[in-house]
Amino acid sequence: MFAVRTVGCAFYALALIVSTCHAASVPPAGSSVVARNADKPKETISPTLDVHLYPNHKPRDIAEILEVRDVYAPRITEPKTTTVWTSGYMAVVRWDTSNPPKTITNPGGKIFIGQVDGDGKKHLIIDKPLAENFDIMSGHVEFPVPHWVPSGANFITLFGDSGNDSPMFSINKPRN
């Protein structure tokens, strides 16, 4: 398991560039900017769409305002490569919850099924989660394997703050 810490460095750089260009590019208060396009009538853009992220702060202050965010991507421990699920039967997904970050930005989990195509590219079926709205810190979730799930080699992706893939495993259709 690992936690990735991200800081708003990109925002700091953007704010630095914006503040440098601000004096030359922002119209005076009360004026408007006119945008023209060859096939569209002119549009007036509100002066409130200013380029400042925080107009009363210097660029170096913006990094101090942005909070450090922890991204949590727990390691999936089940299913394993030897796991076989059967459509219509209960399945369990387990993941390691040891060593979580102090703050988990999105504690609600979702699990999606995916397959690998002939070119080795992974594809998730994102419009139908296998399970959702469970606590990412629970370490497991059980659900019935839907009949629409493709049989053959599959993987699951666990989403909380970030996505984490399982190893490939098998799903069978039930025997009649």
N, C-alpha and C. Protein backbone atom coordinates (compact mmCIF):
# COMPACT_ATOMS: atom_id res chain seq x y z
N MET A 1 0.85 -1.16 0.00
CA MET A 1 0.00 0.00 0.00
C MET A 1 0.90 1.23 0.00
N PHE A 2 0.39 2.26 -0.60
CA PHE A 2 1.17 3.48 -0.62
C PHE A 2 0.24 4.67 -0.63
N ALA A 3 0.74 5.75 -0.15
CA ALA A 3 -0.01 7.00 -0.20
C ALA A 3 0.81 7.99 -1.00
N VAL A 4 0.16 8.67 -1.88
CA VAL A 4 0.84 9.65 -2.71
C VAL A 4 0.41 11.02 -2.24
N ARG A 5 1.35 11.85 -1.91
CA ARG A 5 1.02 13.19 -1.45
C ARG A 5 1.20 14.17 -2.61
N THR A 6 0.20 14.98 -2.81
CA THR A 6 0.28 15.97 -3.87
C THR A 6 0.11 17.35 -3.27
N VAL A 7 0.90 18.27 -3.73
CA VAL A 7 0.82 19.65 -3.29
C VAL A 7 0.50 20.49 -4.50
N GLY A 8 -0.07 21.63 -4.30
CA GLY A 8 -0.52 22.46 -5.41
C GLY A 8 0.58 23.19 -6.12
N CYS A 9 1.64 22.49 -6.54
CA CYS A 9 2.74 23.14 -7.26
C CYS A 9 2.28 23.71 -8.59
N ALA A 10 1.40 23.01 -9.26
CA ALA A 10 0.91 23.50 -10.55
C ALA A 10 0.14 24.80 -10.36
N PHE A 11 -0.65 24.89 -9.29
CA PHE A 11 -1.39 26.11 -9.02
C PHE A 11 -0.43 27.25 -8.70
N TYR A 12 0.62 26.95 -7.98
CA TYR A 12 1.60 27.97 -7.66
C TYR A 12 2.24 28.51 -8.93
N ALA A 13 2.65 27.61 -9.83
CA ALA A 13 3.27 28.03 -11.08
C ALA A 13 2.28 28.83 -11.92
N LEU A 14 1.04 28.39 -11.99
CA LEU A 14 0.02 29.11 -12.74
C LEU A 14 -0.20 30.49 -12.15
N ALA A 15 -0.28 30.58 -10.83
CA ALA A 15 -0.49 31.87 -10.19
C ALA A 15 0.68 32.81 -10.44
N LEU A 16 1.89 32.28 -10.46
CA LEU A 16 3.07 33.09 -10.73
C LEU A 16 3.02 33.66 -12.14
N ILE A 17 2.66 32.83 -13.10
CA ILE A 17 2.54 33.28 -14.49
C ILE A 17 1.42 34.29 -14.62
N VAL A 18 0.28 34.00 -14.00
CA VAL A 18 -0.87 34.89 -14.09
C VAL A 18 -0.56 36.24 -13.48
N SER A 19 0.08 36.27 -12.32
CA SER A 19 0.36 37.55 -11.68
C SER A 19 1.36 38.36 -12.49
N THR A 20 2.27 37.71 -13.19
CA THR A 20 3.23 38.41 -14.03
C THR A 20 2.53 39.05 -15.22
N CYS A 21 1.56 38.35 -15.79
CA CYS A 21 0.86 38.84 -16.98
C CYS A 21 -0.34 39.70 -16.63
N HIS A 22 -0.74 39.74 -15.39
CA HIS A 22 -1.98 40.38 -15.00
C HIS A 22 -2.07 41.84 -15.41
N ALA A 23 -1.06 42.63 -15.13
CA ALA A 23 -1.12 44.06 -15.39
C ALA A 23 -1.31 44.37 -16.87
N ALA A 24 -0.73 43.57 -17.73
CA ALA A 24 -0.82 43.83 -19.16
C ALA A 24 -2.08 43.25 -19.80
N SER A 25 -2.71 42.27 -19.18
CA SER A 25 -3.78 41.56 -19.89
C SER A 25 -5.18 41.73 -19.33
N VAL A 26 -5.35 42.24 -18.12
CA VAL A 26 -6.67 42.33 -17.52
C VAL A 26 -7.25 43.71 -17.78
N PRO A 27 -8.49 43.79 -18.28
CA PRO A 27 -9.10 45.09 -18.53
C PRO A 27 -9.40 45.81 -17.23
N PRO A 28 -9.50 47.14 -17.29
CA PRO A 28 -9.82 47.89 -16.08
C PRO A 28 -11.18 47.47 -15.50
N ALA A 29 -11.34 47.67 -14.20
CA ALA A 29 -12.60 47.32 -13.55
C ALA A 29 -13.76 48.04 -14.21
N GLY A 30 -14.88 47.35 -14.37
CA GLY A 30 -16.06 47.94 -14.98
C GLY A 30 -16.12 47.79 -16.48
N SER A 31 -15.02 47.40 -17.12
CA SER A 31 -15.04 47.20 -18.57
C SER A 31 -15.36 45.75 -18.86
N SER A 32 -15.52 45.43 -20.13
CA SER A 32 -15.78 44.05 -20.51
C SER A 32 -14.85 43.65 -21.63
N VAL A 33 -14.71 42.35 -21.80
CA VAL A 33 -13.87 41.81 -22.86
C VAL A 33 -14.80 41.29 -23.93
N VAL A 34 -14.50 41.59 -25.19
CA VAL A 34 -15.35 41.13 -26.28
C VAL A 34 -14.63 40.01 -27.01
N ALA A 35 -15.30 38.86 -27.15
CA ALA A 35 -14.74 37.73 -27.87
C ALA A 35 -15.47 37.62 -29.20
N ARG A 36 -14.72 37.44 -30.28
CA ARG A 36 -15.34 37.32 -31.60
C ARG A 36 -14.95 36.00 -32.22
N ASN A 37 -15.89 35.42 -32.94
CA ASN A 37 -15.65 34.21 -33.69
C ASN A 37 -16.26 34.42 -35.07
N ALA A 38 -15.65 33.92 -36.11
CA ALA A 38 -16.10 34.18 -37.47
C ALA A 38 -17.56 33.77 -37.69
N ASP A 39 -18.01 32.66 -37.13
CA ASP A 39 -19.37 32.21 -37.39
C ASP A 39 -20.34 32.47 -36.25
N LYS A 40 -19.91 33.14 -35.20
CA LYS A 40 -20.80 33.39 -34.08
C LYS A 40 -20.85 34.89 -33.80
N PRO A 41 -21.96 35.36 -33.26
CA PRO A 41 -22.00 36.77 -32.87
C PRO A 41 -21.05 37.02 -31.71
N LYS A 42 -20.69 38.30 -31.53
CA LYS A 42 -19.76 38.60 -30.45
C LYS A 42 -20.40 38.33 -29.10
N GLU A 43 -19.58 37.95 -28.15
CA GLU A 43 -20.04 37.66 -26.80
C GLU A 43 -19.29 38.57 -25.85
N THR A 44 -19.98 39.00 -24.82
CA THR A 44 -19.32 39.80 -23.80
C THR A 44 -18.99 38.89 -22.63
N ILE A 45 -17.76 38.90 -22.24
CA ILE A 45 -17.30 38.07 -21.12
C ILE A 45 -17.28 38.94 -19.88
N SER A 46 -17.85 38.46 -18.82
CA SER A 46 -17.94 39.21 -17.58
C SER A 46 -16.56 39.52 -17.03
N PRO A 47 -16.35 40.74 -16.51
CA PRO A 47 -15.06 41.05 -15.91
C PRO A 47 -14.78 40.25 -14.65
N THR A 48 -15.80 39.56 -14.12
CA THR A 48 -15.55 38.72 -12.94
C THR A 48 -14.80 37.45 -13.30
N LEU A 49 -14.71 37.13 -14.59
CA LEU A 49 -13.93 35.97 -15.02
C LEU A 49 -12.47 36.37 -15.10
N ASP A 50 -11.99 36.93 -14.04
CA ASP A 50 -10.62 37.41 -13.97
C ASP A 50 -9.68 36.22 -13.91
N VAL A 51 -8.43 36.43 -14.24
CA VAL A 51 -7.46 35.35 -14.25
C VAL A 51 -6.87 35.07 -12.88
N HIS A 52 -7.25 35.84 -11.88
CA HIS A 52 -6.74 35.61 -10.53
C HIS A 52 -7.41 34.42 -9.88
N LEU A 53 -6.63 33.56 -9.28
CA LEU A 53 -7.19 32.49 -8.46
C LEU A 53 -7.58 33.07 -7.10
N TYR A 54 -6.69 33.83 -6.52
CA TYR A 54 -6.90 34.53 -5.27
C TYR A 54 -6.37 35.94 -5.46
N PRO A 55 -7.22 36.91 -5.86
CA PRO A 55 -6.72 38.22 -6.24
C PRO A 55 -6.00 38.98 -5.14
N ASN A 56 -6.25 38.68 -3.88
CA ASN A 56 -5.62 39.43 -2.79
C ASN A 56 -4.38 38.75 -2.23
N HIS A 57 -3.91 37.70 -2.88
CA HIS A 57 -2.76 36.97 -2.39
C HIS A 57 -1.63 37.02 -3.39
N LYS A 58 -0.43 37.05 -2.87
CA LYS A 58 0.74 36.96 -3.73
C LYS A 58 0.92 35.50 -4.13
N PRO A 59 1.57 35.22 -5.26
CA PRO A 59 1.72 33.83 -5.71
C PRO A 59 2.30 32.90 -4.66
N ARG A 60 3.25 33.34 -3.88
CA ARG A 60 3.85 32.43 -2.90
C ARG A 60 2.86 32.06 -1.80
N ASP A 61 1.83 32.90 -1.57
CA ASP A 61 0.85 32.62 -0.55
C ASP A 61 -0.15 31.54 -0.97
N ILE A 62 -0.34 31.37 -2.27
CA ILE A 62 -1.33 30.42 -2.76
C ILE A 62 -0.96 28.99 -2.38
N ALA A 63 0.32 28.65 -2.48
CA ALA A 63 0.76 27.30 -2.11
C ALA A 63 0.49 27.03 -0.64
N GLU A 64 0.56 28.07 0.18
CA GLU A 64 0.29 27.90 1.60
C GLU A 64 -1.20 27.66 1.85
N ILE A 65 -2.06 28.20 0.97
CA ILE A 65 -3.50 28.05 1.13
C ILE A 65 -3.95 26.65 0.77
N LEU A 66 -3.34 26.11 -0.28
CA LEU A 66 -3.75 24.78 -0.76
C LEU A 66 -3.34 23.73 0.25
N GLU A 67 -4.27 22.84 0.56
CA GLU A 67 -3.97 21.79 1.52
C GLU A 67 -3.27 20.61 0.85
N VAL A 68 -2.52 19.90 1.64
CA VAL A 68 -1.90 18.67 1.16
C VAL A 68 -2.98 17.61 1.12
N ARG A 69 -3.08 16.90 0.00
CA ARG A 69 -4.09 15.86 -0.14
C ARG A 69 -3.42 14.50 -0.21
N ASP A 70 -3.98 13.55 0.52
CA ASP A 70 -3.47 12.19 0.49
C ASP A 70 -4.34 11.36 -0.44
N VAL A 71 -3.70 10.65 -1.34
CA VAL A 71 -4.41 9.75 -2.24
C VAL A 71 -4.16 8.34 -1.74
N TYR A 72 -5.24 7.61 -1.53
CA TYR A 72 -5.16 6.28 -0.94
C TYR A 72 -5.48 5.23 -1.99
N ALA A 73 -4.55 4.36 -2.25
CA ALA A 73 -4.73 3.27 -3.22
C ALA A 73 -4.32 1.96 -2.55
N PRO A 74 -5.23 1.37 -1.75
CA PRO A 74 -4.86 0.14 -1.04
C PRO A 74 -4.63 -1.03 -1.99
N ARG A 75 -3.72 -1.90 -1.62
CA ARG A 75 -3.38 -3.08 -2.42
C ARG A 75 -4.50 -4.12 -2.30
N ILE A 76 -4.96 -4.60 -3.44
CA ILE A 76 -6.01 -5.63 -3.47
C ILE A 76 -5.37 -6.98 -3.16
N THR A 77 -5.95 -7.69 -2.19
CA THR A 77 -5.42 -9.00 -1.81
C THR A 77 -6.29 -10.15 -2.31
N GLU A 78 -7.52 -9.88 -2.68
CA GLU A 78 -8.44 -10.88 -3.23
C GLU A 78 -9.39 -10.17 -4.17
N PRO A 79 -9.56 -10.57 -5.38
CA PRO A 79 -9.21 -11.83 -5.99
C PRO A 79 -7.73 -11.94 -6.36
N LYS A 80 -7.29 -13.20 -6.41
CA LYS A 80 -5.93 -13.54 -6.81
C LYS A 80 -5.99 -14.18 -8.19
N THR A 81 -4.84 -14.47 -8.76
CA THR A 81 -4.82 -15.10 -10.09
C THR A 81 -5.50 -16.47 -10.09
N THR A 82 -5.56 -17.13 -8.95
CA THR A 82 -6.19 -18.46 -8.86
C THR A 82 -7.69 -18.39 -8.56
N THR A 83 -8.21 -17.18 -8.34
CA THR A 83 -9.62 -17.01 -7.99
C THR A 83 -10.52 -17.27 -9.20
N VAL A 84 -11.65 -17.93 -8.94
CA VAL A 84 -12.67 -18.13 -9.97
C VAL A 84 -14.01 -17.69 -9.39
N TRP A 85 -14.64 -16.71 -10.03
CA TRP A 85 -15.99 -16.29 -9.67
C TRP A 85 -16.97 -16.94 -10.63
N THR A 86 -18.21 -17.12 -10.17
CA THR A 86 -19.27 -17.64 -11.03
C THR A 86 -20.44 -16.66 -11.01
N SER A 87 -20.92 -16.30 -12.18
CA SER A 87 -22.06 -15.38 -12.29
C SER A 87 -23.23 -15.90 -11.47
N GLY A 88 -23.87 -14.99 -10.72
CA GLY A 88 -25.02 -15.36 -9.90
C GLY A 88 -24.66 -15.76 -8.49
N TYR A 89 -23.38 -15.98 -8.20
CA TYR A 89 -22.93 -16.37 -6.86
C TYR A 89 -22.22 -15.20 -6.18
N MET A 90 -22.09 -15.30 -4.86
CA MET A 90 -21.43 -14.23 -4.10
C MET A 90 -19.93 -14.22 -4.36
N ALA A 91 -19.38 -13.02 -4.41
CA ALA A 91 -17.94 -12.83 -4.55
C ALA A 91 -17.48 -11.88 -3.46
N VAL A 92 -16.21 -11.94 -3.14
CA VAL A 92 -15.63 -11.03 -2.15
C VAL A 92 -14.39 -10.39 -2.74
N VAL A 93 -14.23 -9.11 -2.45
CA VAL A 93 -13.00 -8.39 -2.79
C VAL A 93 -12.42 -7.93 -1.47
N ARG A 94 -11.13 -8.17 -1.28
CA ARG A 94 -10.43 -7.76 -0.05
C ARG A 94 -9.24 -6.89 -0.43
N TRP A 95 -8.91 -5.95 0.46
CA TRP A 95 -7.75 -5.09 0.24
C TRP A 95 -7.11 -4.77 1.58
N ASP A 96 -5.87 -4.39 1.51
CA ASP A 96 -5.05 -4.10 2.69
C ASP A 96 -5.35 -2.68 3.18
N THR A 97 -5.81 -2.55 4.42
CA THR A 97 -6.12 -1.23 4.97
C THR A 97 -5.08 -0.75 5.97
N SER A 98 -3.97 -1.47 6.07
CA SER A 98 -2.93 -1.01 7.00
C SER A 98 -2.25 0.23 6.40
N ASN A 99 -1.83 1.11 7.24
CA ASN A 99 -1.09 2.30 6.86
C ASN A 99 -1.86 3.26 5.95
N PRO A 100 -3.11 3.61 6.29
CA PRO A 100 -3.82 4.60 5.48
C PRO A 100 -3.29 6.01 5.78
N PRO A 101 -3.51 6.97 4.91
CA PRO A 101 -3.12 8.34 5.21
C PRO A 101 -4.02 8.92 6.31
N LYS A 102 -3.61 10.04 6.90
CA LYS A 102 -4.41 10.67 7.95
C LYS A 102 -5.79 11.07 7.45
N THR A 103 -5.83 11.66 6.27
CA THR A 103 -7.09 12.12 5.70
C THR A 103 -7.33 11.41 4.39
N ILE A 104 -8.44 10.72 4.29
CA ILE A 104 -8.82 10.08 3.03
C ILE A 104 -9.88 10.97 2.39
N THR A 105 -9.55 11.50 1.23
CA THR A 105 -10.43 12.48 0.59
C THR A 105 -11.76 11.88 0.17
N ASN A 106 -11.77 10.64 -0.28
CA ASN A 106 -13.01 10.00 -0.73
C ASN A 106 -13.13 8.63 -0.07
N PRO A 107 -13.83 8.54 1.07
CA PRO A 107 -13.92 7.26 1.78
C PRO A 107 -14.92 6.28 1.18
N GLY A 108 -15.73 6.71 0.22
CA GLY A 108 -16.72 5.83 -0.41
C GLY A 108 -16.10 5.06 -1.56
N GLY A 109 -16.16 3.74 -1.49
CA GLY A 109 -15.52 2.92 -2.51
C GLY A 109 -16.45 2.47 -3.62
N LYS A 110 -15.85 2.12 -4.75
CA LYS A 110 -16.55 1.53 -5.90
C LYS A 110 -15.65 0.46 -6.48
N ILE A 111 -16.26 -0.59 -6.99
CA ILE A 111 -15.51 -1.65 -7.67
C ILE A 111 -16.09 -1.85 -9.06
N PHE A 112 -15.20 -1.86 -10.04
CA PHE A 112 -15.58 -2.07 -11.43
C PHE A 112 -14.87 -3.31 -11.97
N ILE A 113 -15.50 -3.94 -12.95
CA ILE A 113 -14.90 -5.09 -13.63
C ILE A 113 -14.25 -4.60 -14.91
N GLY A 114 -13.18 -5.27 -15.30
CA GLY A 114 -12.50 -4.91 -16.53
C GLY A 114 -11.93 -6.13 -17.23
N GLN A 115 -11.60 -5.93 -18.50
CA GLN A 115 -10.96 -6.98 -19.30
C GLN A 115 -9.81 -6.36 -20.07
N VAL A 116 -8.93 -7.22 -20.55
CA VAL A 116 -7.80 -6.79 -21.37
C VAL A 116 -8.09 -7.22 -22.80
N ASP A 117 -7.93 -6.27 -23.75
CA ASP A 117 -8.20 -6.62 -25.14
C ASP A 117 -6.98 -7.31 -25.77
N GLY A 118 -7.09 -7.65 -27.04
CA GLY A 118 -6.02 -8.36 -27.75
C GLY A 118 -4.72 -7.59 -27.85
N ASP A 119 -4.79 -6.26 -27.72
CA ASP A 119 -3.59 -5.42 -27.76
C ASP A 119 -2.98 -5.20 -26.38
N GLY A 120 -3.56 -5.83 -25.36
CA GLY A 120 -3.04 -5.68 -24.01
C GLY A 120 -3.54 -4.44 -23.28
N LYS A 121 -4.53 -3.74 -23.84
CA LYS A 121 -5.08 -2.54 -23.20
C LYS A 121 -6.21 -2.93 -22.26
N LYS A 122 -6.21 -2.32 -21.07
CA LYS A 122 -7.25 -2.59 -20.08
C LYS A 122 -8.48 -1.74 -20.36
N HIS A 123 -9.65 -2.35 -20.20
CA HIS A 123 -10.92 -1.66 -20.40
C HIS A 123 -11.83 -1.94 -19.21
N LEU A 124 -12.31 -0.88 -18.55
CA LEU A 124 -13.24 -1.01 -17.43
C LEU A 124 -14.67 -0.80 -17.92
N ILE A 125 -15.59 -1.52 -17.32
CA ILE A 125 -17.02 -1.28 -17.56
C ILE A 125 -17.46 -0.33 -16.45
N ILE A 126 -17.45 0.97 -16.75
CA ILE A 126 -17.66 1.97 -15.70
C ILE A 126 -19.11 2.36 -15.49
N ASP A 127 -20.00 1.96 -16.39
CA ASP A 127 -21.40 2.35 -16.20
C ASP A 127 -22.16 1.40 -15.27
N LYS A 128 -21.52 0.29 -14.89
CA LYS A 128 -22.17 -0.69 -13.99
C LYS A 128 -21.18 -1.15 -12.92
N PRO A 129 -21.05 -0.40 -11.82
CA PRO A 129 -20.15 -0.87 -10.76
C PRO A 129 -20.64 -2.19 -10.16
N LEU A 130 -19.70 -3.05 -9.80
CA LEU A 130 -20.06 -4.31 -9.12
C LEU A 130 -20.51 -4.03 -7.70
N ALA A 131 -19.91 -3.04 -7.06
CA ALA A 131 -20.26 -2.64 -5.70
C ALA A 131 -19.93 -1.16 -5.56
N GLU A 132 -20.69 -0.45 -4.74
CA GLU A 132 -20.41 0.97 -4.53
C GLU A 132 -20.94 1.43 -3.18
N ASN A 133 -20.50 2.61 -2.78
CA ASN A 133 -20.92 3.25 -1.52
C ASN A 133 -20.57 2.43 -0.29
N PHE A 134 -19.43 1.76 -0.32
CA PHE A 134 -18.96 1.05 0.87
C PHE A 134 -17.76 1.81 1.42
N ASP A 135 -17.47 1.60 2.70
CA ASP A 135 -16.36 2.28 3.37
C ASP A 135 -15.04 1.69 2.90
N ILE A 136 -14.19 2.52 2.33
CA ILE A 136 -12.90 2.06 1.81
C ILE A 136 -12.03 1.48 2.92
N MET A 137 -12.29 1.86 4.17
CA MET A 137 -11.50 1.35 5.30
C MET A 137 -12.04 0.02 5.84
N SER A 138 -13.13 -0.51 5.27
CA SER A 138 -13.66 -1.79 5.75
C SER A 138 -12.76 -2.96 5.38
N GLY A 139 -11.99 -2.83 4.30
CA GLY A 139 -11.06 -3.88 3.91
C GLY A 139 -11.66 -4.99 3.08
N HIS A 140 -12.98 -4.98 2.91
CA HIS A 140 -13.61 -6.01 2.07
C HIS A 140 -15.03 -5.58 1.70
N VAL A 141 -15.55 -6.19 0.67
CA VAL A 141 -16.94 -6.01 0.29
C VAL A 141 -17.40 -7.29 -0.41
N GLU A 142 -18.64 -7.70 -0.14
CA GLU A 142 -19.24 -8.88 -0.79
C GLU A 142 -20.39 -8.43 -1.66
N PHE A 143 -20.60 -9.12 -2.76
CA PHE A 143 -21.68 -8.78 -3.69
C PHE A 143 -21.93 -9.98 -4.59
N PRO A 144 -23.15 -10.08 -5.16
CA PRO A 144 -23.40 -11.15 -6.13
C PRO A 144 -22.77 -10.78 -7.47
N VAL A 145 -22.17 -11.73 -8.13
CA VAL A 145 -21.58 -11.49 -9.45
C VAL A 145 -22.73 -11.42 -10.45
N PRO A 146 -22.93 -10.27 -11.09
CA PRO A 146 -24.05 -10.13 -12.03
C PRO A 146 -23.89 -11.05 -13.25
N HIS A 147 -25.01 -11.41 -13.85
CA HIS A 147 -24.99 -12.28 -15.03
C HIS A 147 -24.42 -11.58 -16.26
N TRP A 148 -24.45 -10.25 -16.29
CA TRP A 148 -23.92 -9.52 -17.45
C TRP A 148 -22.39 -9.47 -17.48
N VAL A 149 -21.74 -9.83 -16.36
CA VAL A 149 -20.28 -9.78 -16.30
C VAL A 149 -19.70 -10.75 -17.33
N PRO A 150 -18.75 -10.28 -18.14
CA PRO A 150 -18.18 -11.17 -19.16
C PRO A 150 -17.40 -12.32 -18.53
N SER A 151 -17.55 -13.50 -19.11
CA SER A 151 -16.79 -14.65 -18.61
C SER A 151 -15.38 -14.58 -19.18
N GLY A 152 -14.50 -15.39 -18.61
CA GLY A 152 -13.11 -15.41 -19.06
C GLY A 152 -12.22 -14.65 -18.11
N ALA A 153 -11.09 -14.19 -18.64
CA ALA A 153 -10.10 -13.48 -17.82
C ALA A 153 -10.56 -12.04 -17.57
N ASN A 154 -10.56 -11.65 -16.31
CA ASN A 154 -11.01 -10.32 -15.89
C ASN A 154 -10.09 -9.78 -14.81
N PHE A 155 -10.28 -8.52 -14.48
CA PHE A 155 -9.65 -7.90 -13.32
C PHE A 155 -10.68 -6.96 -12.72
N ILE A 156 -10.48 -6.57 -11.48
CA ILE A 156 -11.34 -5.56 -10.89
C ILE A 156 -10.48 -4.36 -10.54
N THR A 157 -11.11 -3.20 -10.48
CA THR A 157 -10.45 -1.98 -10.04
C THR A 157 -11.21 -1.45 -8.84
N LEU A 158 -10.48 -1.18 -7.77
CA LEU A 158 -11.05 -0.63 -6.55
C LEU A 158 -10.80 0.87 -6.57
N PHE A 159 -11.87 1.66 -6.50
CA PHE A 159 -11.74 3.11 -6.45
C PHE A 159 -12.16 3.61 -5.09
N GLY A 160 -11.35 4.45 -4.54
CA GLY A 160 -11.65 5.26 -3.36
C GLY A 160 -11.14 6.62 -3.77
N ASP A 161 -9.98 6.97 -3.28
CA ASP A 161 -9.30 8.17 -3.77
C ASP A 161 -8.66 7.92 -5.12
N SER A 162 -8.24 6.71 -5.34
CA SER A 162 -7.49 6.38 -6.55
C SER A 162 -7.86 4.96 -6.96
N GLY A 163 -7.51 4.58 -8.15
CA GLY A 163 -7.82 3.24 -8.62
C GLY A 163 -6.66 2.29 -8.41
N ASN A 164 -6.98 1.05 -8.13
CA ASN A 164 -5.97 0.02 -7.92
C ASN A 164 -6.51 -1.27 -8.51
N ASP A 165 -5.76 -1.89 -9.41
CA ASP A 165 -6.21 -3.09 -10.11
C ASP A 165 -5.81 -4.37 -9.40
N SER A 166 -6.67 -5.37 -9.52
CA SER A 166 -6.34 -6.71 -9.04
C SER A 166 -5.55 -7.43 -10.13
N PRO A 167 -4.97 -8.58 -9.78
CA PRO A 167 -4.41 -9.41 -10.84
C PRO A 167 -5.56 -9.99 -11.68
N MET A 168 -5.23 -10.52 -12.84
CA MET A 168 -6.24 -11.17 -13.68
C MET A 168 -6.75 -12.42 -12.96
N PHE A 169 -8.05 -12.68 -13.08
CA PHE A 169 -8.66 -13.87 -12.51
C PHE A 169 -9.80 -14.29 -13.44
N SER A 170 -10.44 -15.41 -13.15
CA SER A 170 -11.46 -15.96 -14.05
C SER A 170 -12.87 -15.77 -13.53
N ILE A 171 -13.78 -15.58 -14.47
CA ILE A 171 -15.21 -15.58 -14.17
C ILE A 171 -15.87 -16.58 -15.10
N ASN A 172 -16.67 -17.48 -14.51
CA ASN A 172 -17.38 -18.48 -15.29
C ASN A 172 -18.87 -18.19 -15.28
N LYS A 173 -19.55 -18.63 -16.30
CA LYS A 173 -21.01 -18.62 -16.31
C LYS A 173 -21.46 -19.85 -15.55
N PRO A 174 -22.61 -19.80 -14.87
CA PRO A 174 -23.05 -20.98 -14.11
C PRO A 174 -23.36 -22.15 -15.04
N ARG A 175 -23.11 -23.35 -14.54
CA ARG A 175 -23.45 -24.56 -15.31
C ARG A 175 -24.92 -24.87 -15.12
N ASN A 176 -25.57 -25.26 -16.16
CA ASN A 176 -27.00 -25.60 -16.08
C ASN A 176 -27.21 -27.07 -15.84
